[in-house]
Amino acid sequence: VNGAEIGTYDESKLLLLESVGDGLVAHISASFVAGLASACVSTPADVVKTRFMNAAGSDQAYKGIMHTAYSILRDEGFLALYKGFLLIVCRKLIWCTVFFVIYERLLRAMVKAFADIGSQ
């Protein structure tokens, strides 16, 4: 998931820099794209993992992760892998925005601090 977030953020930011410049708008917009990509990638795995764990010890216990995924697809269809997507995407959008905006601010502060040290 982190790979989906970081890679998507960097690529989105590079594309946005050309049109909006290197500022808060670019960072927030790229964060939203990264959060959406992360939610799209992680939601099916979260659904399968949650179903597998919740069924443990019951009569409907699955044989493994692959059996869980297969059963969900067979019995409920592909869209069942995206149950709860809206809540997950909201959480990811908030998380990615906070994380990447703070990251960009800290990066700028560190670059400035090291530039000041180097110029002395």
Protein backbone atom coordinates (compact mmCIF):
# COMPACT_ATOMS: atom_id res chain seq x y z
CA VAL A 1 0.00 0.00 0.00
CA ASN A 2 2.76 2.43 0.85
CA GLY A 3 4.28 1.78 -2.56
CA ALA A 4 0.98 2.70 -4.18
CA GLU A 5 0.78 5.87 -2.12
CA ILE A 6 4.37 7.05 -2.54
CA GLY A 7 4.73 6.20 -6.20
CA THR A 8 1.38 7.68 -7.13
CA TYR A 9 2.04 10.80 -5.07
CA ASP A 10 5.39 11.44 -6.75
CA GLU A 11 4.05 10.91 -10.27
CA SER A 12 0.94 13.01 -9.63
CA LYS A 13 3.00 15.80 -8.12
CA LEU A 14 5.35 15.84 -11.11
CA LEU A 15 2.40 16.19 -13.47
CA LEU A 16 0.78 18.89 -11.33
CA LEU A 17 3.97 20.95 -10.97
CA GLU A 18 3.72 21.94 -14.63
CA SER A 19 0.24 23.41 -14.27
CA VAL A 20 -0.11 24.66 -10.67
CA GLY A 21 3.47 25.02 -9.45
CA ASP A 22 5.15 23.60 -6.37
CA GLY A 23 2.79 24.65 -3.63
CA LEU A 24 0.00 23.55 -1.34
CA VAL A 25 -2.47 23.01 -4.20
CA ALA A 26 -0.11 20.56 -5.92
CA HIS A 27 0.63 18.73 -2.68
CA ILE A 28 -3.02 18.38 -1.66
CA SER A 29 -4.12 17.35 -5.16
CA ALA A 30 -1.36 14.76 -5.48
CA SER A 31 -2.23 13.49 -1.99
CA PHE A 32 -5.85 12.97 -3.06
CA VAL A 33 -4.74 11.01 -6.13
CA ALA A 34 -2.42 8.90 -3.96
CA GLY A 35 -5.16 8.25 -1.41
CA LEU A 36 -7.60 7.16 -4.10
CA ALA A 37 -5.03 4.84 -5.69
CA SER A 38 -4.14 3.39 -2.31
CA ALA A 39 -7.80 2.73 -1.48
CA CYS A 40 -8.36 1.03 -4.84
CA VAL A 41 -5.37 -1.24 -4.28
CA SER A 42 -5.87 -2.04 -0.59
CA THR A 43 -9.65 -2.44 -0.23
CA PRO A 44 -9.94 -5.94 -1.76
CA ALA A 45 -7.12 -7.23 0.44
CA ASP A 46 -8.72 -5.65 3.51
CA VAL A 47 -12.11 -7.20 2.72
CA VAL A 48 -10.63 -10.68 2.20
CA LYS A 49 -8.47 -10.45 5.34
CA THR A 50 -11.39 -9.23 7.47
CA ARG A 51 -13.72 -11.97 6.22
CA PHE A 52 -11.07 -14.62 6.81
CA MET A 53 -10.35 -13.45 10.34
CA ASN A 54 -14.02 -13.00 11.28
CA ALA A 55 -14.91 -16.50 10.09
CA ALA A 56 -12.15 -18.22 12.06
CA GLY A 57 -13.55 -20.79 14.48
CA SER A 58 -17.05 -20.68 13.04
CA ASP A 59 -18.90 -23.25 10.94
CA GLN A 60 -18.28 -21.08 7.87
CA ALA A 61 -14.50 -20.98 8.34
CA TYR A 62 -12.50 -20.59 5.16
CA LYS A 63 -9.60 -22.88 4.27
CA GLY A 64 -7.24 -19.99 3.58
CA ILE A 65 -6.93 -16.53 2.09
CA MET A 66 -7.27 -17.76 -1.50
CA HIS A 67 -10.38 -19.77 -0.59
CA THR A 68 -11.82 -16.68 1.08
CA ALA A 69 -11.21 -14.52 -2.01
CA TYR A 70 -12.60 -17.20 -4.32
CA SER A 71 -15.72 -17.65 -2.16
CA ILE A 72 -16.39 -13.91 -2.07
CA LEU A 73 -16.03 -13.64 -5.85
CA ARG A 74 -18.13 -16.75 -6.49
CA ASP A 75 -20.93 -15.98 -4.03
CA GLU A 76 -21.14 -12.18 -4.10
CA GLY A 77 -19.32 -10.98 -7.20
CA PHE A 78 -16.40 -8.65 -7.85
CA LEU A 79 -17.94 -5.56 -6.25
CA ALA A 80 -18.12 -7.36 -2.89
CA LEU A 81 -14.34 -6.88 -2.70
CA TYR A 82 -15.00 -3.14 -2.47
CA LYS A 83 -17.49 -3.17 0.41
CA GLY A 84 -16.68 -0.25 2.68
CA PHE A 85 -14.77 1.53 -0.09
CA LEU A 86 -16.29 4.95 0.65
CA LEU A 87 -15.12 4.91 4.26
CA ILE A 88 -11.72 3.57 3.34
CA VAL A 89 -11.20 6.20 0.65
CA CYS A 90 -12.21 8.97 3.07
CA ARG A 91 -9.70 7.69 5.61
CA LYS A 92 -6.97 7.39 2.98
CA LEU A 93 -7.63 10.88 1.60
CA ILE A 94 -7.29 12.41 5.05
CA TRP A 95 -4.22 10.33 5.93
CA CYS A 96 -2.39 10.99 2.66
CA THR A 97 -3.13 14.70 2.75
CA VAL A 98 -1.85 15.12 6.30
CA PHE A 99 1.16 12.88 5.72
CA PHE A 100 2.35 14.32 2.40
CA VAL A 101 1.75 17.98 3.27
CA ILE A 102 3.77 17.54 6.48
CA TYR A 103 6.40 15.60 4.53
CA GLU A 104 6.78 18.41 1.98
CA ARG A 105 7.03 21.06 4.71
CA LEU A 106 9.65 19.08 6.64
CA LEU A 107 11.59 18.39 3.45
CA ARG A 108 11.70 22.11 2.61
CA ALA A 109 12.77 22.98 6.16
CA MET A 110 15.56 20.39 6.09
CA VAL A 111 16.82 21.51 2.67
CA LYS A 112 16.86 25.12 3.87
CA ALA A 113 18.62 24.18 7.12
CA PHE A 114 21.30 22.20 5.31
CA ALA A 115 21.75 24.97 2.76
CA ASP A 116 22.24 27.47 5.60
CA ILE A 117 24.80 25.17 7.25
CA GLY A 118 26.64 24.70 3.95
CA SER A 119 26.86 28.42 3.29
CA GLN A 120 28.56 29.20 6.61
